[in-house]
Each structure stands twice: as C-alpha cells, then as structure tokens.
C-alpha atoms as a PDB file:
ATOM      1  CA  MET A   1       0.000   0.000   0.000  1.00  0.00           C
ATOM      2  CA  GLY A   2       2.947   2.340   0.636  1.00  0.00           C
ATOM      3  CA  MET A   3       4.136   2.149  -2.984  1.00  0.00           C
ATOM      4  CA  VAL A   4       0.693   3.049  -4.305  1.00  0.00           C
ATOM      5  CA  ARG A   5       0.530   6.049  -1.999  1.00  0.00           C
ATOM      6  CA  LYS A   6       3.992   7.213  -3.112  1.00  0.00           C
ATOM      7  CA  ALA A   7       3.027   6.809  -6.762  1.00  0.00           C
ATOM      8  CA  GLY A   8      -0.110   8.844  -6.132  1.00  0.00           C
ATOM      9  CA  ASP A   9       1.877  11.531  -4.359  1.00  0.00           C
ATOM     10  CA  TRP A  10       4.392  11.769  -7.192  1.00  0.00           C
ATOM     11  CA  SER A  11       1.700  11.862  -9.868  1.00  0.00           C
ATOM     12  CA  PHE A  12      -0.112  14.615  -7.963  1.00  0.00           C
ATOM     13  CA  LYS A  13       3.130  16.591  -7.621  1.00  0.00           C
ATOM     14  CA  ALA A  14       3.837  16.187 -11.334  1.00  0.00           C
ATOM     15  CA  PHE A  15       0.292  17.253 -12.189  1.00  0.00           C
ATOM     16  CA  THR A  16       0.402  20.366  -9.997  1.00  0.00           C
ATOM     17  CA  ALA A  17       3.876  21.253 -11.308  1.00  0.00           C
ATOM     18  CA  GLY A  18       2.489  20.995 -14.841  1.00  0.00           C
ATOM     19  CA  LEU A  19      -0.415  23.248 -13.927  1.00  0.00           C
ATOM     20  CA  GLY A  20       1.962  25.775 -12.387  1.00  0.00           C
ATOM     21  CA  PHE A  21       4.215  25.801 -15.431  1.00  0.00           C
ATOM     22  CA  THR A  22       1.224  26.117 -17.765  1.00  0.00           C
ATOM     23  CA  THR A  23      -0.169  29.017 -15.728  1.00  0.00           C
ATOM     24  CA  ILE A  24       3.147  30.875 -15.807  1.00  0.00           C
ATOM     25  CA  TYR A  25       3.580  30.219 -19.541  1.00  0.00           C
ATOM     26  CA  LEU A  26       0.068  31.382 -20.424  1.00  0.00           C
ATOM     27  CA  THR A  27       0.409  34.485 -18.236  1.00  0.00           C
ATOM     28  CA  ALA A  28       3.690  35.416 -19.907  1.00  0.00           C
ATOM     29  CA  THR A  29       2.441  34.846 -23.450  1.00  0.00           C
ATOM     30  CA  PHE A  30      -0.798  36.708 -22.719  1.00  0.00           C
ATOM     31  CA  SER A  31       1.152  39.690 -21.399  1.00  0.00           C
ATOM     32  CA  VAL A  32       3.402  39.703 -24.469  1.00  0.00           C
ATOM     33  CA  ASN A  33       0.390  39.501 -26.786  1.00  0.00           C
ATOM     34  CA  VAL A  34      -1.375  42.361 -24.994  1.00  0.00           C
ATOM     35  CA  TYR A  35       1.772  44.489 -25.299  1.00  0.00           C
ATOM     36  CA  ARG A  36       2.111  43.666 -29.006  1.00  0.00           C
ATOM     37  CA  GLY A  37      -1.556  44.384 -29.606  1.00  0.00           C
ATOM     38  CA  LEU A  38      -1.399  47.737 -27.871  1.00  0.00           C
ATOM     39  CA  SER A  39       1.782  48.643 -29.734  1.00  0.00           C
ATOM     40  CA  TRP A  40       0.210  47.676 -33.038  1.00  0.00           C
ATOM     41  CA  ASN A  41      -2.948  49.610 -32.231  1.00  0.00           C
ATOM     42  CA  ASN A  42      -1.001  52.726 -31.284  1.00  0.00           C
ATOM     43  CA  ALA A  43       1.066  52.469 -34.458  1.00  0.00           C
ATOM     44  CA  GLN A  44      -2.102  52.216 -36.534  1.00  0.00           C
ATOM     45  CA  SER A  45      -3.650  55.207 -34.816  1.00  0.00           C
ATOM     46  CA  VAL A  46      -0.547  57.363 -35.262  1.00  0.00           C
ATOM     47  CA  SER A  47      -0.081  56.471 -38.921  1.00  0.00           C
ATOM     48  CA  SER A  48      -3.747  57.039 -39.783  1.00  0.00           C
ATOM     49  CA  PHE A  49      -3.616  60.387 -37.976  1.00  0.00           C
ATOM     50  CA  PHE A  50      -0.434  61.311 -39.831  1.00  0.00           C
ATOM     51  CA  PHE A  51      -1.775  60.301 -43.246  1.00  0.00           C
ATOM     52  CA  SER A  52      -5.123  62.002 -42.690  1.00  0.00           C
ATOM     53  CA  HIS A  53      -3.296  65.319 -42.325  1.00  0.00           C
ATOM     54  CA  LEU A  54      -1.321  64.696 -45.502  1.00  0.00           C
ATOM     55  CA  ILE A  55      -4.498  64.111 -47.494  1.00  0.00           C
ATOM     56  CA  LEU A  56      -6.144  67.278 -46.229  1.00  0.00           C
END
C-alpha cells in the first residue's frame, strides 16, 4: 500500500507542477500579446492620424 501512496503523491506533484508551469507560460504569453496588440494599435492610430493630415 505504501508504494501506491507514493506513486499517487508523485503523480499529484507532477500534475500540480504541470499546472503551475502552464499558468506561468500562459500568463507570460498573454502579457506579451497584450503588449504587441497595444503597440500595433497605437502604431495604426498614429499612422492614420499622420496620413489624414497629408491628405487634407
């Protein structure tokens, strides 16, 4: 019975470590994507503002 309990403990530790790694990875990639999206949006707004003055 002791081996089964140890195997369960190790599988639970591996599972929670995987969840922790996945959470950190998704948080990091989400933050990078938000930054890229905001940068892209600001670049679009600036260029459209700049070109609208050239047309007028």
